[in-house]
Amino acid sequence: MQEQIILPFPPAIQPVRNVRSTILIGSMNVLRASPYADEYLEALAPQHRSTLFDAVAGTWIPVEAAMAHYYACDALHLPVDEQVANGRGTFDRAGATVFGTIVKMARGVGVTPWTLLPQVQRFWDRIYDGGGASVTQLGPKEARIEVVKADVLRSPYYRNALRGLFLATFGSFCTKAYMSERNRLHGEDSVNFRTQWV
């Protein structure tokens, strides 16, 4: 099967400037409930603590504060599978608010990941102010998802947590989903995921 772009990058992409607080609150709550809460707080840059800890759901947080959060997560040096699990946990905590449409779609008959994948940019825009996504079909149940111009993608923790969040999302539409990170094709502020499902 030939590769087929099912979601092209937007024609004009601005770098991510802000991140929706709901996703950051979900991510922070996962850490607060973990054995690493104190280490996380110690690693978090003091100048961003009030911005993050005083955030209310549904507001925009400057990307610099979001990056401070994810760099503090990087400093924990958690195993990759735990980082991915934290991404799944973030979906569980913030999913109903941020991904309510996905949850409703998952209840539909005959809905598959192909129903969701063309909507990736729309869902990205609900969480991030800036950045762009593209989806390419590689096979009947295989796709490449790329995201560009998002400085948070410089954080290994964030990329692994994003993979977990995507896996939790796709898991609503199939029996089992798999995702791996491939070589970044568009620079350090990008990511390239290959996903498959059954």
C-alpha atoms as a PDB file:
ATOM      1  CA  MET A   1       0.000   0.000   0.000  1.00  0.00           C
ATOM      2  CA  GLN A   2       1.289   3.470  -0.878  1.00  0.00           C
ATOM      3  CA  GLU A   3       1.600   6.090   1.830  1.00  0.00           C
ATOM      4  CA  GLN A   4      -1.343   8.478   1.844  1.00  0.00           C
ATOM      5  CA  ILE A   5      -1.518  11.776   3.713  1.00  0.00           C
ATOM      6  CA  ILE A   6      -4.882  11.888   5.449  1.00  0.00           C
ATOM      7  CA  LEU A   7      -4.129  15.030   7.468  1.00  0.00           C
ATOM      8  CA  PRO A   8      -1.644  17.483   5.942  1.00  0.00           C
ATOM      9  CA  PHE A   9       0.194  20.013   8.071  1.00  0.00           C
ATOM     10  CA  PRO A  10      -1.650  23.330   8.309  1.00  0.00           C
ATOM     11  CA  PRO A  11      -0.490  25.805   5.638  1.00  0.00           C
ATOM     12  CA  ALA A  12       0.878  28.235   8.253  1.00  0.00           C
ATOM     13  CA  ILE A  13       2.188  26.990  11.592  1.00  0.00           C
ATOM     14  CA  GLN A  14       3.183  29.224  14.488  1.00  0.00           C
ATOM     15  CA  PRO A  15       5.340  27.781  17.288  1.00  0.00           C
ATOM     16  CA  VAL A  16       3.446  26.765  20.418  1.00  0.00           C
ATOM     17  CA  ARG A  17       2.989  29.814  22.622  1.00  0.00           C
ATOM     18  CA  ASN A  18       0.584  28.536  25.293  1.00  0.00           C
ATOM     19  CA  VAL A  19      -0.629  25.232  26.711  1.00  0.00           C
ATOM     20  CA  ARG A  20      -4.109  24.539  28.069  1.00  0.00           C
ATOM     21  CA  SER A  21      -3.925  24.408  31.868  1.00  0.00           C
ATOM     22  CA  THR A  22      -6.212  21.367  32.049  1.00  0.00           C
ATOM     23  CA  ILE A  23      -3.591  19.062  30.529  1.00  0.00           C
ATOM     24  CA  LEU A  24      -0.836  20.448  32.784  1.00  0.00           C
ATOM     25  CA  ILE A  25      -3.005  20.112  35.898  1.00  0.00           C
ATOM     26  CA  GLY A  26      -3.716  16.489  34.932  1.00  0.00           C
ATOM     27  CA  SER A  27      -0.007  15.839  34.432  1.00  0.00           C
ATOM     28  CA  MET A  28       0.937  17.497  37.734  1.00  0.00           C
ATOM     29  CA  ASN A  29      -1.755  15.561  39.595  1.00  0.00           C
ATOM     30  CA  VAL A  30      -0.310  12.288  38.289  1.00  0.00           C
ATOM     31  CA  LEU A  31       3.058  13.273  39.767  1.00  0.00           C
ATOM     32  CA  ARG A  32       1.580  14.525  43.031  1.00  0.00           C
ATOM     33  CA  ALA A  33      -0.004  11.104  43.536  1.00  0.00           C
ATOM     34  CA  SER A  34       3.320   9.364  42.855  1.00  0.00           C
ATOM     35  CA  PRO A  35       6.328   8.682  45.098  1.00  0.00           C
ATOM     36  CA  TYR A  36       8.206  11.420  43.176  1.00  0.00           C
ATOM     37  CA  ALA A  37       6.127  14.404  44.309  1.00  0.00           C
ATOM     38  CA  ASP A  38       8.860  15.927  46.494  1.00  0.00           C
ATOM     39  CA  GLU A  39      11.604  15.362  43.922  1.00  0.00           C
ATOM     40  CA  TYR A  40       9.428  16.959  41.256  1.00  0.00           C
ATOM     41  CA  LEU A  41       8.816  20.045  43.383  1.00  0.00           C
ATOM     42  CA  GLU A  42      12.529  20.372  44.100  1.00  0.00           C
ATOM     43  CA  ALA A  43      13.386  20.130  40.385  1.00  0.00           C
ATOM     44  CA  LEU A  44      10.713  22.635  39.288  1.00  0.00           C
ATOM     45  CA  ALA A  45      12.093  26.117  38.542  1.00  0.00           C
ATOM     46  CA  PRO A  46      10.822  28.400  41.374  1.00  0.00           C
ATOM     47  CA  GLN A  47       9.802  31.237  39.031  1.00  0.00           C
ATOM     48  CA  HIS A  48       7.157  29.002  37.397  1.00  0.00           C
ATOM     49  CA  ARG A  49       5.668  27.374  40.498  1.00  0.00           C
ATOM     50  CA  SER A  50       2.904  29.887  41.142  1.00  0.00           C
ATOM     51  CA  THR A  51       1.890  29.932  37.460  1.00  0.00           C
ATOM     52  CA  LEU A  52       1.539  26.151  37.481  1.00  0.00           C
ATOM     53  CA  PHE A  53       0.164  25.547  40.976  1.00  0.00           C
ATOM     54  CA  ASP A  54      -2.343  28.419  40.900  1.00  0.00           C
ATOM     55  CA  ALA A  55      -3.672  27.492  37.436  1.00  0.00           C
ATOM     56  CA  VAL A  56      -7.373  26.859  37.038  1.00  0.00           C
ATOM     57  CA  ALA A  57      -8.783  24.494  34.435  1.00  0.00           C
ATOM     58  CA  GLY A  58      -9.506  25.819  30.971  1.00  0.00           C
ATOM     59  CA  THR A  59      -6.992  28.679  30.863  1.00  0.00           C
ATOM     60  CA  TRP A  60      -3.831  29.179  28.821  1.00  0.00           C
ATOM     61  CA  ILE A  61      -0.411  28.778  30.456  1.00  0.00           C
ATOM     62  CA  PRO A  62       2.708  30.229  28.762  1.00  0.00           C
ATOM     63  CA  VAL A  63       4.788  27.540  27.095  1.00  0.00           C
ATOM     64  CA  GLU A  64       7.796  28.527  29.213  1.00  0.00           C
ATOM     65  CA  ALA A  65       5.969  27.381  32.356  1.00  0.00           C
ATOM     66  CA  ALA A  66       4.887  24.170  30.628  1.00  0.00           C
ATOM     67  CA  MET A  67       8.486  23.501  29.620  1.00  0.00           C
ATOM     68  CA  ALA A  68       9.607  24.073  33.223  1.00  0.00           C
ATOM     69  CA  HIS A  69       7.107  21.403  34.271  1.00  0.00           C
ATOM     70  CA  TYR A  70       8.349  18.884  31.712  1.00  0.00           C
ATOM     71  CA  TYR A  71      12.032  19.651  32.367  1.00  0.00           C
ATOM     72  CA  ALA A  72      11.370  18.963  36.063  1.00  0.00           C
ATOM     73  CA  CYS A  73       9.832  15.653  34.957  1.00  0.00           C
ATOM     74  CA  ASP A  74      12.964  14.935  32.879  1.00  0.00           C
ATOM     75  CA  ALA A  75      15.073  15.500  36.008  1.00  0.00           C
ATOM     76  CA  LEU A  76      13.293  12.579  37.716  1.00  0.00           C
ATOM     77  CA  HIS A  77      14.854  10.133  35.202  1.00  0.00           C
ATOM     78  CA  LEU A  78      11.814   7.859  35.361  1.00  0.00           C
ATOM     79  CA  PRO A  79      11.832   4.640  33.315  1.00  0.00           C
ATOM     80  CA  VAL A  80      10.296   5.164  29.863  1.00  0.00           C
ATOM     81  CA  ASP A  81       7.386   2.812  30.546  1.00  0.00           C
ATOM     82  CA  GLU A  82       6.523   4.861  33.635  1.00  0.00           C
ATOM     83  CA  GLN A  83       6.614   8.089  31.615  1.00  0.00           C
ATOM     84  CA  VAL A  84       4.242   6.521  29.081  1.00  0.00           C
ATOM     85  CA  ALA A  85       1.996   5.331  31.931  1.00  0.00           C
ATOM     86  CA  ASN A  86       1.929   8.885  33.304  1.00  0.00           C
ATOM     87  CA  GLY A  87       0.677  10.060  29.908  1.00  0.00           C
ATOM     88  CA  ARG A  88      -2.113   7.498  30.134  1.00  0.00           C
ATOM     89  CA  GLY A  89      -2.842   8.739  33.646  1.00  0.00           C
ATOM     90  CA  THR A  90      -3.068  12.305  32.359  1.00  0.00           C
ATOM     91  CA  PHE A  91      -5.665  11.151  29.820  1.00  0.00           C
ATOM     92  CA  ASP A  92      -7.616   9.465  32.624  1.00  0.00           C
ATOM     93  CA  ARG A  93      -7.554  12.657  34.713  1.00  0.00           C
ATOM     94  CA  ALA A  94      -8.099  15.264  31.990  1.00  0.00           C
ATOM     95  CA  GLY A  95      -9.718  13.175  29.267  1.00  0.00           C
ATOM     96  CA  ALA A  96     -13.337  13.922  30.020  1.00  0.00           C
ATOM     97  CA  THR A  97     -12.674  17.668  29.943  1.00  0.00           C
ATOM     98  CA  VAL A  98     -10.254  17.933  27.035  1.00  0.00           C
ATOM     99  CA  PHE A  99     -11.259  14.886  25.007  1.00  0.00           C
ATOM    100  CA  GLY A 100     -14.987  14.726  25.710  1.00  0.00           C
ATOM    101  CA  THR A 101     -15.751  14.425  21.989  1.00  0.00           C
ATOM    102  CA  ILE A 102     -13.391  11.441  21.706  1.00  0.00           C
ATOM    103  CA  VAL A 103     -15.071   9.708  24.620  1.00  0.00           C
ATOM    104  CA  LYS A 104     -18.457  10.212  22.954  1.00  0.00           C
ATOM    105  CA  MET A 105     -17.114   9.033  19.581  1.00  0.00           C
ATOM    106  CA  ALA A 106     -15.719   5.874  21.187  1.00  0.00           C
ATOM    107  CA  ARG A 107     -19.244   4.811  22.087  1.00  0.00           C
ATOM    108  CA  GLY A 108     -20.275   4.835  18.431  1.00  0.00           C
ATOM    109  CA  VAL A 109     -20.668   1.644  16.432  1.00  0.00           C
ATOM    110  CA  GLY A 110     -18.020   1.061  13.768  1.00  0.00           C
ATOM    111  CA  VAL A 111     -15.735   3.841  15.008  1.00  0.00           C
ATOM    112  CA  THR A 112     -12.035   3.061  14.429  1.00  0.00           C
ATOM    113  CA  PRO A 113      -8.761   4.980  14.812  1.00  0.00           C
ATOM    114  CA  TRP A 114      -9.270   6.138  11.215  1.00  0.00           C
ATOM    115  CA  THR A 115     -12.272   8.098  12.485  1.00  0.00           C
ATOM    116  CA  LEU A 116     -10.055   9.930  14.970  1.00  0.00           C
ATOM    117  CA  LEU A 117      -6.797  10.402  13.057  1.00  0.00           C
ATOM    118  CA  PRO A 118      -8.038  13.059  10.593  1.00  0.00           C
ATOM    119  CA  GLN A 119      -9.100  15.088  13.655  1.00  0.00           C
ATOM    120  CA  VAL A 120      -5.669  15.168  15.362  1.00  0.00           C
ATOM    121  CA  GLN A 121      -5.041  18.838  14.512  1.00  0.00           C
ATOM    122  CA  ARG A 122      -8.446  19.832  15.844  1.00  0.00           C
ATOM    123  CA  PHE A 123      -7.755  18.111  19.164  1.00  0.00           C
ATOM    124  CA  TRP A 124      -4.200  19.491  19.250  1.00  0.00           C
ATOM    125  CA  ASP A 125      -5.615  23.017  18.896  1.00  0.00           C
ATOM    126  CA  ARG A 126      -7.802  22.461  21.954  1.00  0.00           C
ATOM    127  CA  ILE A 127      -4.694  21.879  24.064  1.00  0.00           C
ATOM    128  CA  TYR A 128      -1.982  23.964  22.374  1.00  0.00           C
ATOM    129  CA  ASP A 129      -1.873  27.495  21.018  1.00  0.00           C
ATOM    130  CA  GLY A 130       0.394  26.861  18.024  1.00  0.00           C
ATOM    131  CA  GLY A 131       2.146  23.865  16.517  1.00  0.00           C
ATOM    132  CA  GLY A 132       0.909  21.623  13.738  1.00  0.00           C
ATOM    133  CA  ALA A 133       0.125  17.957  13.168  1.00  0.00           C
ATOM    134  CA  SER A 134       0.145  15.660  10.163  1.00  0.00           C
ATOM    135  CA  VAL A 135      -1.081  12.071   9.759  1.00  0.00           C
ATOM    136  CA  THR A 136      -0.007   9.671   7.014  1.00  0.00           C
ATOM    137  CA  GLN A 137      -1.632   6.293   6.407  1.00  0.00           C
ATOM    138  CA  LEU A 138       1.054   3.618   6.059  1.00  0.00           C
ATOM    139  CA  GLY A 139      -1.158   0.528   5.958  1.00  0.00           C
ATOM    140  CA  PRO A 140      -4.667  -0.724   6.762  1.00  0.00           C
ATOM    141  CA  LYS A 141      -3.997  -0.348  10.511  1.00  0.00           C
ATOM    142  CA  GLU A 142      -0.796   1.698  10.601  1.00  0.00           C
ATOM    143  CA  ALA A 143      -0.125   5.438  10.547  1.00  0.00           C
ATOM    144  CA  ARG A 144       2.592   8.028  11.086  1.00  0.00           C
ATOM    145  CA  ILE A 145       1.740  11.013  13.291  1.00  0.00           C
ATOM    146  CA  GLU A 146       4.039  14.015  13.217  1.00  0.00           C
ATOM    147  CA  VAL A 147       3.843  17.153  15.335  1.00  0.00           C
ATOM    148  CA  VAL A 148       6.030  20.196  14.683  1.00  0.00           C
ATOM    149  CA  LYS A 149       6.923  23.597  16.167  1.00  0.00           C
ATOM    150  CA  ALA A 150       6.283  22.650  19.787  1.00  0.00           C
ATOM    151  CA  ASP A 151       9.202  23.348  22.136  1.00  0.00           C
ATOM    152  CA  VAL A 152       7.722  20.997  24.741  1.00  0.00           C
ATOM    153  CA  LEU A 153       8.768  18.191  22.360  1.00  0.00           C
ATOM    154  CA  ARG A 154      12.384  18.892  23.337  1.00  0.00           C
ATOM    155  CA  SER A 155      11.572  17.086  26.605  1.00  0.00           C
ATOM    156  CA  PRO A 156      11.978  13.289  26.438  1.00  0.00           C
ATOM    157  CA  TYR A 157       9.483  12.938  29.287  1.00  0.00           C
ATOM    158  CA  TYR A 158       6.898  14.945  27.383  1.00  0.00           C
ATOM    159  CA  ARG A 159       7.332  12.906  24.202  1.00  0.00           C
ATOM    160  CA  ASN A 160       6.876   9.656  26.138  1.00  0.00           C
ATOM    161  CA  ALA A 161       3.901  11.031  28.067  1.00  0.00           C
ATOM    162  CA  LEU A 162       2.368  12.253  24.795  1.00  0.00           C
ATOM    163  CA  ARG A 163       2.802   8.737  23.425  1.00  0.00           C
ATOM    164  CA  GLY A 164       0.927   7.410  26.464  1.00  0.00           C
ATOM    165  CA  LEU A 165      -1.823   9.968  25.981  1.00  0.00           C
ATOM    166  CA  PHE A 166      -2.169   9.003  22.304  1.00  0.00           C
ATOM    167  CA  LEU A 167      -2.213   5.295  23.236  1.00  0.00           C
ATOM    168  CA  ALA A 168      -4.952   5.894  25.787  1.00  0.00           C
ATOM    169  CA  THR A 169      -6.922   7.808  23.165  1.00  0.00           C
ATOM    170  CA  PHE A 170      -6.561   5.184  20.438  1.00  0.00           C
ATOM    171  CA  GLY A 171      -7.242   2.419  22.948  1.00  0.00           C
ATOM    172  CA  SER A 172     -10.829   3.658  23.052  1.00  0.00           C
ATOM    173  CA  PHE A 173     -11.229   2.725  19.371  1.00  0.00           C
ATOM    174  CA  CYS A 174      -9.495  -0.649  19.031  1.00  0.00           C
ATOM    175  CA  THR A 175      -8.539  -3.811  20.879  1.00  0.00           C
ATOM    176  CA  LYS A 176      -4.874  -2.844  21.308  1.00  0.00           C
ATOM    177  CA  ALA A 177      -2.731   0.056  20.094  1.00  0.00           C
ATOM    178  CA  TYR A 178       1.053   0.239  19.729  1.00  0.00           C
ATOM    179  CA  MET A 179       3.172   3.329  19.198  1.00  0.00           C
ATOM    180  CA  SER A 180       6.893   3.969  18.836  1.00  0.00           C
ATOM    181  CA  GLU A 181       8.923   7.119  18.384  1.00  0.00           C
ATOM    182  CA  ARG A 182      10.989   7.293  15.192  1.00  0.00           C
ATOM    183  CA  ASN A 183      13.722   9.667  14.048  1.00  0.00           C
ATOM    184  CA  ARG A 184      12.505  13.237  14.158  1.00  0.00           C
ATOM    185  CA  LEU A 185      12.249  14.566  10.625  1.00  0.00           C
ATOM    186  CA  HIS A 186      11.588  18.228  11.402  1.00  0.00           C
ATOM    187  CA  GLY A 187      13.991  19.225  14.174  1.00  0.00           C
ATOM    188  CA  GLU A 188      14.206  19.063  17.958  1.00  0.00           C
ATOM    189  CA  ASP A 189      10.813  20.731  18.435  1.00  0.00           C
ATOM    190  CA  SER A 190       9.033  17.935  16.574  1.00  0.00           C
ATOM    191  CA  VAL A 191       8.093  14.286  17.038  1.00  0.00           C
ATOM    192  CA  ASN A 192       7.489  11.371  14.685  1.00  0.00           C
ATOM    193  CA  PHE A 193       5.322   8.515  15.994  1.00  0.00           C
ATOM    194  CA  ARG A 194       4.419   5.309  14.194  1.00  0.00           C
ATOM    195  CA  THR A 195       1.242   3.708  15.451  1.00  0.00           C
ATOM    196  CA  GLN A 196      -0.368   0.342  14.764  1.00  0.00           C
ATOM    197  CA  TRP A 197      -3.478  -1.271  16.162  1.00  0.00           C
ATOM    198  CA  VAL A 198      -5.566  -4.422  16.173  1.00  0.00           C
END
